[in-house]
């Protein structure tokens, strides 16, 4: 499915941010999250229908988040509805010890690939 064109003729990108606070998370949570992404989560989202890409971001002791970009509002809305219904039991919530503090849809106006190229990998650190 091709997304409707955004101004300028490029495909519209439909984002979703899911963020957990790590402020009160137990010691070792960042390492546990990195292992979870490497061993389980990355494979779950690789080739997921309707998903253009996902990026996992983290600031140890501050926050952990998934940044999703979908091909359409419908794909994003379906994922958000399904995720929100079970967010408190999601693997990230179990590891952190709390549900997400933010589940927020957004628009992604542009994506640029630098000269070094894009690297799809399950663990960079």
PDB file of N, CA and C in Angstrom:
ATOM      1  N   UNK A   1       0.848  -1.178   0.000  1.00  0.00           N
ATOM      2  CA  UNK A   1       0.000   0.000   0.000  1.00  0.00           C
ATOM      3  C   UNK A   1       0.892   1.238   0.000  1.00  0.00           C
ATOM      4  N   UNK A   2       0.619   2.188  -0.836  1.00  0.00           N
ATOM      5  CA  UNK A   2       1.368   3.432  -0.884  1.00  0.00           C
ATOM      6  C   UNK A   2       0.617   4.496  -0.098  1.00  0.00           C
ATOM      7  N   UNK A   3       1.352   5.206   0.737  1.00  0.00           N
ATOM      8  CA  UNK A   3       0.740   6.256   1.555  1.00  0.00           C
ATOM      9  C   UNK A   3       0.365   7.437   0.683  1.00  0.00           C
ATOM     10  N   UNK A   4      -0.660   8.189   1.089  1.00  0.00           N
ATOM     11  CA  UNK A   4      -1.003   9.402   0.358  1.00  0.00           C
ATOM     12  C   UNK A   4       0.186  10.344   0.342  1.00  0.00           C
ATOM     13  N   UNK A   5       0.298  11.095  -0.712  1.00  0.00           N
ATOM     14  CA  UNK A   5       1.419  12.022  -0.828  1.00  0.00           C
ATOM     15  C   UNK A   5       1.269  13.188   0.134  1.00  0.00           C
ATOM     16  N   UNK A   6       2.380  13.536   0.752  1.00  0.00           N
ATOM     17  CA  UNK A   6       2.454  14.719   1.601  1.00  0.00           C
ATOM     18  C   UNK A   6       2.747  15.910   0.693  1.00  0.00           C
ATOM     19  N   UNK A   7       2.646  17.132   1.218  1.00  0.00           N
ATOM     20  CA  UNK A   7       3.031  18.279   0.406  1.00  0.00           C
ATOM     21  C   UNK A   7       4.438  18.076  -0.147  1.00  0.00           C
ATOM     22  N   UNK A   8       4.624  18.345  -1.403  1.00  0.00           N
ATOM     23  CA  UNK A   8       5.898  18.132  -2.051  1.00  0.00           C
ATOM     24  C   UNK A   8       5.955  16.808  -2.806  1.00  0.00           C
ATOM     25  N   UNK A   9       4.910  15.975  -2.678  1.00  0.00           N
ATOM     26  CA  UNK A   9       4.823  14.756  -3.458  1.00  0.00           C
ATOM     27  C   UNK A   9       5.392  13.509  -2.815  1.00  0.00           C
ATOM     28  N   UNK A  10       6.040  13.595  -1.640  1.00  0.00           N
ATOM     29  CA  UNK A  10       6.590  12.399  -1.011  1.00  0.00           C
ATOM     30  C   UNK A  10       5.508  11.689  -0.201  1.00  0.00           C
ATOM     31  N   UNK A  11       5.687  10.388   0.069  1.00  0.00           N
ATOM     32  CA  UNK A  11       4.674   9.663   0.848  1.00  0.00           C
ATOM     33  C   UNK A  11       4.533  10.232   2.258  1.00  0.00           C
ATOM     34  N   UNK A  12       3.313  10.276   2.753  1.00  0.00           N
ATOM     35  CA  UNK A  12       3.080  10.706   4.128  1.00  0.00           C
ATOM     36  C   UNK A  12       3.596   9.620   5.058  1.00  0.00           C
ATOM     37  N   UNK A  13       4.159  10.020   6.184  1.00  0.00           N
ATOM     38  CA  UNK A  13       4.671   9.088   7.175  1.00  0.00           C
ATOM     39  C   UNK A  13       3.891   9.278   8.463  1.00  0.00           C
ATOM     40  N   UNK A  14       3.414   8.187   9.012  1.00  0.00           N
ATOM     41  CA  UNK A  14       2.506   8.215  10.156  1.00  0.00           C
ATOM     42  C   UNK A  14       3.213   7.602  11.355  1.00  0.00           C
ATOM     43  N   UNK A  15       3.650   8.462  12.281  1.00  0.00           N
ATOM     44  CA  UNK A  15       4.463   8.034  13.396  1.00  0.00           C
ATOM     45  C   UNK A  15       3.681   7.723  14.653  1.00  0.00           C
ATOM     46  N   UNK A  16       4.336   6.983  15.544  1.00  0.00           N
ATOM     47  CA  UNK A  16       3.814   6.700  16.864  1.00  0.00           C
ATOM     48  C   UNK A  16       5.011   6.607  17.799  1.00  0.00           C
ATOM     49  N   UNK A  17       4.937   7.313  18.914  1.00  0.00           N
ATOM     50  CA  UNK A  17       5.979   7.253  19.931  1.00  0.00           C
ATOM     51  C   UNK A  17       5.420   6.584  21.171  1.00  0.00           C
ATOM     52  N   UNK A  18       6.140   5.593  21.681  1.00  0.00           N
ATOM     53  CA  UNK A  18       5.776   4.925  22.933  1.00  0.00           C
ATOM     54  C   UNK A  18       6.981   5.069  23.852  1.00  0.00           C
ATOM     55  N   UNK A  19       6.777   5.711  25.005  1.00  0.00           N
ATOM     56  CA  UNK A  19       7.898   6.006  25.909  1.00  0.00           C
ATOM     57  C   UNK A  19       7.614   5.524  27.325  1.00  0.00           C
ATOM     58  N   UNK A  20       8.640   4.904  27.900  1.00  0.00           N
ATOM     59  CA  UNK A  20       8.625   4.494  29.304  1.00  0.00           C
ATOM     60  C   UNK A  20       9.621   5.347  30.068  1.00  0.00           C
ATOM     61  N   UNK A  21       9.279   5.732  31.281  1.00  0.00           N
ATOM     62  CA  UNK A  21      10.228   6.413  32.153  1.00  0.00           C
ATOM     63  C   UNK A  21      11.141   5.377  32.798  1.00  0.00           C
ATOM     64  N   UNK A  22      12.428   5.680  32.844  1.00  0.00           N
ATOM     65  CA  UNK A  22      13.390   4.824  33.536  1.00  0.00           C
ATOM     66  C   UNK A  22      13.849   5.453  34.849  1.00  0.00           C
ATOM     67  N   UNK A  23      13.223   6.561  35.230  1.00  0.00           N
ATOM     68  CA  UNK A  23      13.650   7.294  36.435  1.00  0.00           C
ATOM     69  C   UNK A  23      13.611   6.422  37.683  1.00  0.00           C
ATOM     70  N   UNK A  24      12.615   5.557  37.809  1.00  0.00           N
ATOM     71  CA  UNK A  24      12.483   4.704  38.999  1.00  0.00           C
ATOM     72  C   UNK A  24      12.719   3.233  38.679  1.00  0.00           C
ATOM     73  N   UNK A  25      13.282   2.961  37.524  1.00  0.00           N
ATOM     74  CA  UNK A  25      13.507   1.573  37.117  1.00  0.00           C
ATOM     75  C   UNK A  25      14.679   0.976  37.901  1.00  0.00           C
ATOM     76  N   UNK A  26      14.618  -0.316  38.147  1.00  0.00           N
ATOM     77  CA  UNK A  26      15.699  -0.957  38.896  1.00  0.00           C
ATOM     78  C   UNK A  26      17.031  -0.949  38.140  1.00  0.00           C
ATOM     79  N   UNK A  27      18.105  -1.106  38.866  1.00  0.00           N
ATOM     80  CA  UNK A  27      19.447  -1.217  38.289  1.00  0.00           C
ATOM     81  C   UNK A  27      19.449  -2.356  37.270  1.00  0.00           C
ATOM     82  N   UNK A  28      20.103  -2.146  36.148  1.00  0.00           N
ATOM     83  CA  UNK A  28      20.194  -3.169  35.123  1.00  0.00           C
ATOM     84  C   UNK A  28      19.081  -3.129  34.090  1.00  0.00           C
ATOM     85  N   UNK A  29      18.140  -2.198  34.234  1.00  0.00           N
ATOM     86  CA  UNK A  29      17.008  -2.131  33.302  1.00  0.00           C
ATOM     87  C   UNK A  29      17.454  -1.808  31.881  1.00  0.00           C
ATOM     88  N   UNK A  30      18.394  -0.885  31.723  1.00  0.00           N
ATOM     89  CA  UNK A  30      18.858  -0.523  30.379  1.00  0.00           C
ATOM     90  C   UNK A  30      19.459  -1.732  29.670  1.00  0.00           C
ATOM     91  N   UNK A  31      20.266  -2.500  30.368  1.00  0.00           N
ATOM     92  CA  UNK A  31      20.867  -3.699  29.770  1.00  0.00           C
ATOM     93  C   UNK A  31      19.789  -4.733  29.438  1.00  0.00           C
ATOM     94  N   UNK A  32      18.802  -4.885  30.321  1.00  0.00           N
ATOM     95  CA  UNK A  32      17.717  -5.835  30.068  1.00  0.00           C
ATOM     96  C   UNK A  32      16.903  -5.418  28.848  1.00  0.00           C
ATOM     97  N   UNK A  33      16.646  -4.115  28.704  1.00  0.00           N
ATOM     98  CA  UNK A  33      15.905  -3.627  27.536  1.00  0.00           C
ATOM     99  C   UNK A  33      16.698  -3.854  26.252  1.00  0.00           C
ATOM    100  N   UNK A  34      17.999  -3.556  26.271  1.00  0.00           N
ATOM    101  CA  UNK A  34      18.838  -3.757  25.086  1.00  0.00           C
ATOM    102  C   UNK A  34      18.846  -5.234  24.685  1.00  0.00           C
ATOM    103  N   UNK A  35      18.933  -6.132  25.662  1.00  0.00           N
ATOM    104  CA  UNK A  35      18.902  -7.562  25.363  1.00  0.00           C
ATOM    105  C   UNK A  35      17.549  -7.980  24.799  1.00  0.00           C
ATOM    106  N   UNK A  36      16.476  -7.456  25.369  1.00  0.00           N
ATOM    107  CA  UNK A  36      15.131  -7.771  24.868  1.00  0.00           C
ATOM    108  C   UNK A  36      14.988  -7.341  23.407  1.00  0.00           C
ATOM    109  N   UNK A  37      15.447  -6.141  23.078  1.00  0.00           N
ATOM    110  CA  UNK A  37      15.356  -5.667  21.693  1.00  0.00           C
ATOM    111  C   UNK A  37      16.160  -6.591  20.785  1.00  0.00           C
ATOM    112  N   UNK A  38      17.376  -6.906  21.190  1.00  0.00           N
ATOM    113  CA  UNK A  38      18.247  -7.753  20.369  1.00  0.00           C
ATOM    114  C   UNK A  38      17.677  -9.155  20.176  1.00  0.00           C
ATOM    115  N   UNK A  39      17.179  -9.753  21.244  1.00  0.00           N
ATOM    116  CA  UNK A  39      16.787 -11.153  21.212  1.00  0.00           C
ATOM    117  C   UNK A  39      15.346 -11.404  20.755  1.00  0.00           C
ATOM    118  N   UNK A  40      14.456 -10.422  20.923  1.00  0.00           N
ATOM    119  CA  UNK A  40      13.037 -10.671  20.664  1.00  0.00           C
ATOM    120  C   UNK A  40      12.363  -9.585  19.827  1.00  0.00           C
ATOM    121  N   UNK A  41      12.437  -8.345  20.297  1.00  0.00           N
ATOM    122  CA  UNK A  41      11.639  -7.271  19.707  1.00  0.00           C
ATOM    123  C   UNK A  41      12.028  -6.957  18.266  1.00  0.00           C
ATOM    124  N   UNK A  42      13.319  -6.915  17.970  1.00  0.00           N
ATOM    125  CA  UNK A  42      13.765  -6.590  16.618  1.00  0.00           C
ATOM    126  C   UNK A  42      13.147  -7.546  15.599  1.00  0.00           C
ATOM    127  N   UNK A  43      13.183  -8.822  15.884  1.00  0.00           N
ATOM    128  CA  UNK A  43      12.611  -9.810  14.963  1.00  0.00           C
ATOM    129  C   UNK A  43      11.103  -9.639  14.820  1.00  0.00           C
ATOM    130  N   UNK A  44      10.441  -9.280  15.916  1.00  0.00           N
ATOM    131  CA  UNK A  44       8.980  -9.107  15.864  1.00  0.00           C
ATOM    132  C   UNK A  44       8.582  -8.017  14.870  1.00  0.00           C
ATOM    133  N   UNK A  45       9.355  -6.948  14.800  1.00  0.00           N
ATOM    134  CA  UNK A  45       8.979  -5.818  13.957  1.00  0.00           C
ATOM    135  C   UNK A  45       9.601  -5.861  12.562  1.00  0.00           C
ATOM    136  N   UNK A  46      10.616  -6.680  12.359  1.00  0.00           N
ATOM    137  CA  UNK A  46      11.218  -6.810  11.035  1.00  0.00           C
ATOM    138  C   UNK A  46      10.185  -7.439  10.101  1.00  0.00           C
ATOM    139  N   UNK A  47       9.919  -6.781   8.995  1.00  0.00           N
ATOM    140  CA  UNK A  47       8.947  -7.238   7.992  1.00  0.00           C
ATOM    141  C   UNK A  47       7.497  -7.166   8.469  1.00  0.00           C
ATOM    142  N   UNK A  48       7.196  -6.408   9.534  1.00  0.00           N
ATOM    143  CA  UNK A  48       5.818  -6.268  10.022  1.00  0.00           C
ATOM    144  C   UNK A  48       4.976  -5.530   8.986  1.00  0.00           C
ATOM    145  N   UNK A  49       3.849  -6.096   8.627  1.00  0.00           N
ATOM    146  CA  UNK A  49       2.952  -5.477   7.651  1.00  0.00           C
ATOM    147  C   UNK A  49       2.509  -4.098   8.132  1.00  0.00           C
ATOM    148  N   UNK A  50       2.555  -3.121   7.248  1.00  0.00           N
ATOM    149  CA  UNK A  50       2.103  -1.768   7.549  1.00  0.00           C
ATOM    150  C   UNK A  50       3.148  -0.881   8.202  1.00  0.00           C
ATOM    151  N   UNK A  51       4.245  -1.473   8.680  1.00  0.00           N
ATOM    152  CA  UNK A  51       5.297  -0.706   9.352  1.00  0.00           C
ATOM    153  C   UNK A  51       6.404  -0.380   8.361  1.00  0.00           C
ATOM    154  N   UNK A  52       6.745   0.891   8.247  1.00  0.00           N
ATOM    155  CA  UNK A  52       7.879   1.284   7.395  1.00  0.00           C
ATOM    156  C   UNK A  52       9.191   1.029   8.137  1.00  0.00           C
ATOM    157  N   UNK A  53       9.285   1.501   9.379  1.00  0.00           N
ATOM    158  CA  UNK A  53      10.454   1.214  10.201  1.00  0.00           C
ATOM    159  C   UNK A  53      10.173   1.527  11.659  1.00  0.00           C
ATOM    160  N   UNK A  54      11.032   0.995  12.519  1.00  0.00           N
ATOM    161  CA  UNK A  54      10.963   1.267  13.948  1.00  0.00           C
ATOM    162  C   UNK A  54      12.375   1.544  14.437  1.00  0.00           C
ATOM    163  N   UNK A  55      12.480   2.511  15.336  1.00  0.00           N
ATOM    164  CA  UNK A  55      13.745   2.838  15.978  1.00  0.00           C
ATOM    165  C   UNK A  55      13.525   2.753  17.483  1.00  0.00           C
ATOM    166  N   UNK A  56      14.436   2.089  18.177  1.00  0.00           N
ATOM    167  CA  UNK A  56      14.403   2.048  19.637  1.00  0.00           C
ATOM    168  C   UNK A  56      15.410   3.070  20.135  1.00  0.00           C
ATOM    169  N   UNK A  57      14.991   3.910  21.086  1.00  0.00           N
ATOM    170  CA  UNK A  57      15.884   4.942  21.634  1.00  0.00           C
ATOM    171  C   UNK A  57      15.874   4.838  23.157  1.00  0.00           C
ATOM    172  N   UNK A  58      17.009   5.222  23.773  1.00  0.00           N
ATOM    173  CA  UNK A  58      17.084   5.133  25.224  1.00  0.00           C
ATOM    174  C   UNK A  58      18.104   6.131  25.768  1.00  0.00           C
ATOM    175  N   UNK A  59      17.757   6.679  26.940  1.00  0.00           N
ATOM    176  CA  UNK A  59      18.705   7.432  27.771  1.00  0.00           C
ATOM    177  C   UNK A  59      18.682   6.744  29.131  1.00  0.00           C
ATOM    178  N   UNK A  60      19.776   6.040  29.435  1.00  0.00           N
ATOM    179  CA  UNK A  60      19.866   5.239  30.654  1.00  0.00           C
ATOM    180  C   UNK A  60      19.501   6.077  31.876  1.00  0.00           C
ATOM    181  N   UNK A  61      18.572   5.570  32.661  1.00  0.00           N
ATOM    182  CA  UNK A  61      18.120   6.268  33.858  1.00  0.00           C
ATOM    183  C   UNK A  61      17.080   7.345  33.590  1.00  0.00           C
ATOM    184  N   UNK A  62      16.763   7.600  32.318  1.00  0.00           N
ATOM    185  CA  UNK A  62      15.787   8.634  31.959  1.00  0.00           C
ATOM    186  C   UNK A  62      14.572   8.054  31.246  1.00  0.00           C
ATOM    187  N   UNK A  63      14.772   7.478  30.037  1.00  0.00           N
ATOM    188  CA  UNK A  63      13.638   6.960  29.280  1.00  0.00           C
ATOM    189  C   UNK A  63      14.082   5.934  28.253  1.00  0.00           C
ATOM    190  N   UNK A  64      13.096   5.138  27.819  1.00  0.00           N
ATOM    191  CA  UNK A  64      13.247   4.167  26.741  1.00  0.00           C
ATOM    192  C   UNK A  64      12.036   4.349  25.845  1.00  0.00           C
ATOM    193  N   UNK A  65      12.242   4.365  24.528  1.00  0.00           N
ATOM    194  CA  UNK A  65      11.084   4.543  23.651  1.00  0.00           C
ATOM    195  C   UNK A  65      11.228   3.796  22.346  1.00  0.00           C
ATOM    196  N   UNK A  66      10.063   3.498  21.792  1.00  0.00           N
ATOM    197  CA  UNK A  66       9.957   2.980  20.443  1.00  0.00           C
ATOM    198  C   UNK A  66       9.376   4.067  19.571  1.00  0.00           C
ATOM    199  N   UNK A  67      10.035   4.341  18.458  1.00  0.00           N
ATOM    200  CA  UNK A  67       9.541   5.310  17.471  1.00  0.00           C
ATOM    201  C   UNK A  67       9.169   4.504  16.226  1.00  0.00           C
ATOM    202  N   UNK A  68       7.888   4.452  15.951  1.00  0.00           N
ATOM    203  CA  UNK A  68       7.353   3.664  14.848  1.00  0.00           C
ATOM    204  C   UNK A  68       6.946   4.604  13.715  1.00  0.00           C
ATOM    205  N   UNK A  69       7.138   4.164  12.480  1.00  0.00           N
ATOM    206  CA  UNK A  69       6.634   4.904  11.328  1.00  0.00           C
ATOM    207  C   UNK A  69       5.873   3.915  10.449  1.00  0.00           C
ATOM    208  N   UNK A  70       4.593   4.207  10.253  1.00  0.00           N
ATOM    209  CA  UNK A  70       3.688   3.337   9.504  1.00  0.00           C
ATOM    210  C   UNK A  70       3.375   3.911   8.139  1.00  0.00           C
ATOM    211  N   UNK A  71       2.881   3.059   7.248  1.00  0.00           N
ATOM    212  CA  UNK A  71       2.556   3.482   5.892  1.00  0.00           C
ATOM    213  C   UNK A  71       1.239   4.246   5.801  1.00  0.00           C
ATOM    214  N   UNK A  72       0.392   4.131   6.827  1.00  0.00           N
ATOM    215  CA  UNK A  72      -0.908   4.797   6.767  1.00  0.00           C
ATOM    216  C   UNK A  72      -1.428   5.066   8.172  1.00  0.00           C
ATOM    217  N   UNK A  73      -2.383   5.980   8.255  1.00  0.00           N
ATOM    218  CA  UNK A  73      -3.061   6.218   9.530  1.00  0.00           C
ATOM    219  C   UNK A  73      -3.745   4.949  10.012  1.00  0.00           C
ATOM    220  N   UNK A  74      -4.346   4.206   9.093  1.00  0.00           N
ATOM    221  CA  UNK A  74      -5.067   2.984   9.473  1.00  0.00           C
ATOM    222  C   UNK A  74      -4.125   1.968  10.114  1.00  0.00           C
ATOM    223  N   UNK A  75      -2.940   1.779   9.531  1.00  0.00           N
ATOM    224  CA  UNK A  75      -1.970   0.833  10.098  1.00  0.00           C
ATOM    225  C   UNK A  75      -1.505   1.300  11.477  1.00  0.00           C
ATOM    226  N   UNK A  76      -1.227   2.594  11.602  1.00  0.00           N
ATOM    227  CA  UNK A  76      -0.802   3.140  12.891  1.00  0.00           C
ATOM    228  C   UNK A  76      -1.918   3.001  13.917  1.00  0.00           C
ATOM    229  N   UNK A  77      -3.131   3.383  13.543  1.00  0.00           N
ATOM    230  CA  UNK A  77      -4.256   3.332  14.481  1.00  0.00           C
ATOM    231  C   UNK A  77      -4.538   1.902  14.950  1.00  0.00           C
ATOM    232  N   UNK A  78      -4.441   0.946  14.040  1.00  0.00           N
ATOM    233  CA  UNK A  78      -4.676  -0.455  14.414  1.00  0.00           C
ATOM    234  C   UNK A  78      -3.618  -0.924  15.412  1.00  0.00           C
ATOM    235  N   UNK A  79      -2.352  -0.595  15.148  1.00  0.00           N
ATOM    236  CA  UNK A  79      -1.287  -0.984  16.069  1.00  0.00           C
ATOM    237  C   UNK A  79      -1.469  -0.281  17.417  1.00  0.00           C
ATOM    238  N   UNK A  80      -1.754   1.020  17.400  1.00  0.00           N
ATOM    239  CA  UNK A  80      -1.922   1.778  18.635  1.00  0.00           C
ATOM    240  C   UNK A  80      -3.073   1.220  19.479  1.00  0.00           C
ATOM    241  N   UNK A  81      -4.180   0.897  18.844  1.00  0.00           N
ATOM    242  CA  UNK A  81      -5.326   0.335  19.564  1.00  0.00           C
ATOM    243  C   UNK A  81      -4.959  -0.988  20.216  1.00  0.00           C
ATOM    244  N   UNK A  82      -4.309  -1.862  19.456  1.00  0.00           N
ATOM    245  CA  UNK A  82      -3.905  -3.168  19.981  1.00  0.00           C
ATOM    246  C   UNK A  82      -2.884  -2.999  21.110  1.00  0.00           C
ATOM    247  N   UNK A  83      -1.891  -2.142  20.902  1.00  0.00           N
ATOM    248  CA  UNK A  83      -0.855  -1.959  21.918  1.00  0.00           C
ATOM    249  C   UNK A  83      -1.430  -1.352  23.195  1.00  0.00           C
ATOM    250  N   UNK A  84      -2.217  -0.303  23.066  1.00  0.00           N
ATOM    251  CA  UNK A  84      -2.757   0.396  24.228  1.00  0.00           C
ATOM    252  C   UNK A  84      -3.595  -0.526  25.108  1.00  0.00           C
ATOM    253  N   UNK A  85      -4.311  -1.452  24.495  1.00  0.00           N
ATOM    254  CA  UNK A  85      -5.166  -2.366  25.254  1.00  0.00           C
ATOM    255  C   UNK A  85      -4.371  -3.258  26.201  1.00  0.00           C
ATOM    256  N   UNK A  86      -3.101  -3.508  25.869  1.00  0.00           N
ATOM    257  CA  UNK A  86      -2.281  -4.404  26.697  1.00  0.00           C
ATOM    258  C   UNK A  86      -0.964  -3.756  27.126  1.00  0.00           C
ATOM    259  N   UNK A  87      -0.889  -2.444  27.064  1.00  0.00           N
ATOM    260  CA  UNK A  87       0.373  -1.734  27.337  1.00  0.00           C
ATOM    261  C   UNK A  87       0.964  -2.057  28.699  1.00  0.00           C
ATOM    262  N   UNK A  88       0.135  -2.190  29.713  1.00  0.00           N
ATOM    263  CA  UNK A  88       0.644  -2.450  31.060  1.00  0.00           C
ATOM    264  C   UNK A  88       1.319  -3.821  31.157  1.00  0.00           C
ATOM    265  N   UNK A  89       0.952  -4.745  30.256  1.00  0.00           N
ATOM    266  CA  UNK A  89       1.539  -6.077  30.266  1.00  0.00           C
ATOM    267  C   UNK A  89       2.586  -6.268  29.170  1.00  0.00           C
ATOM    268  N   UNK A  90       2.863  -5.229  28.400  1.00  0.00           N
ATOM    269  CA  UNK A  90       3.831  -5.325  27.305  1.00  0.00           C
ATOM    270  C   UNK A  90       5.209  -5.691  27.865  1.00  0.00           C
ATOM    271  N   UNK A  91       6.039  -6.362  27.071  1.00  0.00           N
ATOM    272  CA  UNK A  91       7.367  -6.728  27.562  1.00  0.00           C
ATOM    273  C   UNK A  91       8.159  -5.530  28.102  1.00  0.00           C
ATOM    274  N   UNK A  92       8.097  -4.396  27.427  1.00  0.00           N
ATOM    275  CA  UNK A  92       8.794  -3.212  27.923  1.00  0.00           C
ATOM    276  C   UNK A  92       8.300  -2.799  29.299  1.00  0.00           C
ATOM    277  N   UNK A  93       7.003  -2.883  29.507  1.00  0.00           N
ATOM    278  CA  UNK A  93       6.418  -2.529  30.808  1.00  0.00           C
ATOM    279  C   UNK A  93       6.859  -3.507  31.885  1.00  0.00           C
ATOM    280  N   UNK A  94       6.918  -4.780  31.546  1.00  0.00           N
ATOM    281  CA  UNK A  94       7.367  -5.784  32.524  1.00  0.00           C
ATOM    282  C   UNK A  94       8.830  -5.557  32.899  1.00  0.00           C
ATOM    283  N   UNK A  95       9.662  -5.238  31.922  1.00  0.00           N
ATOM    284  CA  UNK A  95      11.086  -5.014  32.190  1.00  0.00           C
ATOM    285  C   UNK A  95      11.282  -3.755  33.020  1.00  0.00           C
ATOM    286  N   UNK A  96      10.588  -2.680  32.665  1.00  0.00           N
ATOM    287  CA  UNK A  96      10.723  -1.390  33.358  1.00  0.00           C
ATOM    288  C   UNK A  96      10.039  -1.425  34.721  1.00  0.00           C
ATOM    289  N   UNK A  97       8.955  -2.191  34.818  1.00  0.00           N
ATOM    290  CA  UNK A  97       8.193  -2.248  36.066  1.00  0.00           C
ATOM    291  C   UNK A  97       7.070  -1.237  36.124  1.00  0.00           C
ATOM    292  N   UNK A  98       6.714  -0.671  34.961  1.00  0.00           N
ATOM    293  CA  UNK A  98       5.639   0.333  34.887  1.00  0.00           C
ATOM    294  C   UNK A  98       5.169   0.434  33.441  1.00  0.00           C
ATOM    295  N   UNK A  99       3.912   0.869  33.235  1.00  0.00           N
ATOM    296  CA  UNK A  99       3.421   1.047  31.861  1.00  0.00           C
ATOM    297  C   UNK A  99       4.054   2.282  31.212  1.00  0.00           C
ATOM    298  N   UNK A 100       3.868   2.447  29.911  1.00  0.00           N
ATOM    299  CA  UNK A 100       4.405   3.634  29.239  1.00  0.00           C
ATOM    300  C   UNK A 100       3.813   4.919  29.825  1.00  0.00           C
ATOM    301  N   UNK A 101       4.621   5.966  29.815  1.00  0.00           N
ATOM    302  CA  UNK A 101       4.149   7.281  30.256  1.00  0.00           C
ATOM    303  C   UNK A 101       3.611   8.086  29.074  1.00  0.00           C
ATOM    304  N   UNK A 102       3.862   7.599  27.851  1.00  0.00           N
ATOM    305  CA  UNK A 102       3.432   8.317  26.653  1.00  0.00           C
ATOM    306  C   UNK A 102       3.167   7.335  25.531  1.00  0.00           C
ATOM    307  N   UNK A 103       2.015   7.456  24.897  1.00  0.00           N
ATOM    308  CA  UNK A 103       1.697   6.767  23.647  1.00  0.00           C
ATOM    309  C   UNK A 103       1.091   7.850  22.775  1.00  0.00           C
ATOM    310  N   UNK A 104       1.879   8.337  21.799  1.00  0.00           N
ATOM    311  CA  UNK A 104       1.494   9.549  21.075  1.00  0.00           C
ATOM    312  C   UNK A 104       1.667   9.403  19.568  1.00  0.00           C
ATOM    313  N   UNK A 105       0.580   9.520  18.812  1.00  0.00           N
ATOM    314  CA  UNK A 105       0.714   9.530  17.353  1.00  0.00           C
ATOM    315  C   UNK A 105       1.293  10.861  16.885  1.00  0.00           C
ATOM    316  N   UNK A 106       1.984  10.829  15.762  1.00  0.00           N
ATOM    317  CA  UNK A 106       2.578  12.055  15.211  1.00  0.00           C
ATOM    318  C   UNK A 106       2.760  11.888  13.706  1.00  0.00           C
ATOM    319  N   UNK A 107       3.074  12.965  13.047  1.00  0.00           N
ATOM    320  CA  UNK A 107       3.445  12.929  11.636  1.00  0.00           C
ATOM    321  C   UNK A 107       4.963  13.042  11.560  1.00  0.00           C
ATOM    322  N   UNK A 108       5.558  12.364  10.611  1.00  0.00           N
ATOM    323  CA  UNK A 108       6.991  12.434  10.356  1.00  0.00           C
ATOM    324  C   UNK A 108       7.151  13.166   9.038  1.00  0.00           C
ATOM    325  N   UNK A 109       7.583  14.439   9.084  1.00  0.00           N
ATOM    326  CA  UNK A 109       7.618  15.223   7.848  1.00  0.00           C
ATOM    327  C   UNK A 109       8.705  14.805   6.863  1.00  0.00           C
ATOM    328  N   UNK A 110       9.786  14.181   7.343  1.00  0.00           N
ATOM    329  CA  UNK A 110      10.861  13.799   6.422  1.00  0.00           C
ATOM    330  C   UNK A 110      11.795  12.806   7.099  1.00  0.00           C
ATOM    331  N   UNK A 111      12.494  12.041   6.271  1.00  0.00           N
ATOM    332  CA  UNK A 111      13.538  11.131   6.723  1.00  0.00           C
ATOM    333  C   UNK A 111      14.704  11.301   5.755  1.00  0.00           C
ATOM    334  N   UNK A 112      15.907  11.447   6.280  1.00  0.00           N
ATOM    335  CA  UNK A 112      17.095  11.571   5.434  1.00  0.00           C
ATOM    336  C   UNK A 112      18.055  10.431   5.743  1.00  0.00           C
ATOM    337  N   UNK A 113      18.641   9.858   4.707  1.00  0.00           N
ATOM    338  CA  UNK A 113      19.690   8.850   4.882  1.00  0.00           C
ATOM    339  C   UNK A 113      21.015   9.520   4.584  1.00  0.00           C
ATOM    340  N   UNK A 114      21.925   9.483   5.541  1.00  0.00           N
ATOM    341  CA  UNK A 114      23.227  10.121   5.379  1.00  0.00           C
ATOM    342  C   UNK A 114      24.159   9.314   4.489  1.00  0.00           C
ATOM    343  N   UNK A 115      25.305   9.899   4.187  1.00  0.00           N
ATOM    344  CA  UNK A 115      26.285   9.267   3.301  1.00  0.00           C
ATOM    345  C   UNK A 115      26.788   7.941   3.850  1.00  0.00           C
ATOM    346  N   UNK A 116      26.790   7.776   5.169  1.00  0.00           N
ATOM    347  CA  UNK A 116      27.253   6.523   5.766  1.00  0.00           C
ATOM    348  C   UNK A 116      26.253   5.391   5.574  1.00  0.00           C
ATOM    349  N   UNK A 117      25.024   5.724   5.162  1.00  0.00           N
ATOM    350  CA  UNK A 117      24.019   4.708   4.890  1.00  0.00           C
ATOM    351  C   UNK A 117      23.243   4.285   6.118  1.00  0.00           C
ATOM    352  N   UNK A 118      22.153   3.599   5.891  1.00  0.00           N
ATOM    353  CA  UNK A 118      21.273   3.116   6.942  1.00  0.00           C
ATOM    354  C   UNK A 118      21.714   1.715   7.344  1.00  0.00           C
ATOM    355  N   UNK A 119      21.766   1.449   8.628  1.00  0.00           N
ATOM    356  CA  UNK A 119      22.142   0.140   9.132  1.00  0.00           C
ATOM    357  C   UNK A 119      20.969  -0.430   9.917  1.00  0.00           C
ATOM    358  N   UNK A 120      20.404  -1.525   9.461  1.00  0.00           N
ATOM    359  CA  UNK A 120      19.348  -2.212  10.195  1.00  0.00           C
ATOM    360  C   UNK A 120      20.007  -3.316  11.007  1.00  0.00           C
ATOM    361  N   UNK A 121      19.996  -3.166  12.327  1.00  0.00           N
ATOM    362  CA  UNK A 121      20.644  -4.134  13.191  1.00  0.00           C
ATOM    363  C   UNK A 121      19.866  -4.259  14.497  1.00  0.00           C
ATOM    364  N   UNK A 122      20.001  -5.395  15.150  1.00  0.00           N
ATOM    365  CA  UNK A 122      19.270  -5.599  16.391  1.00  0.00           C
ATOM    366  C   UNK A 122      19.980  -5.028  17.608  1.00  0.00           C
ATOM    367  N   UNK A 123      21.268  -4.692  17.467  1.00  0.00           N
ATOM    368  CA  UNK A 123      21.978  -4.098  18.611  1.00  0.00           C
ATOM    369  C   UNK A 123      23.186  -3.324  18.122  1.00  0.00           C
ATOM    370  N   UNK A 124      23.295  -2.091  18.565  1.00  0.00           N
ATOM    371  CA  UNK A 124      24.427  -1.244  18.180  1.00  0.00           C
ATOM    372  C   UNK A 124      25.405  -1.033  19.327  1.00  0.00           C
ATOM    373  N   UNK A 125      24.955  -1.302  20.548  1.00  0.00           N
ATOM    374  CA  UNK A 125      25.835  -1.072  21.705  1.00  0.00           C
ATOM    375  C   UNK A 125      26.224  -2.367  22.354  1.00  0.00           C
TER     376      UNK A 125
END
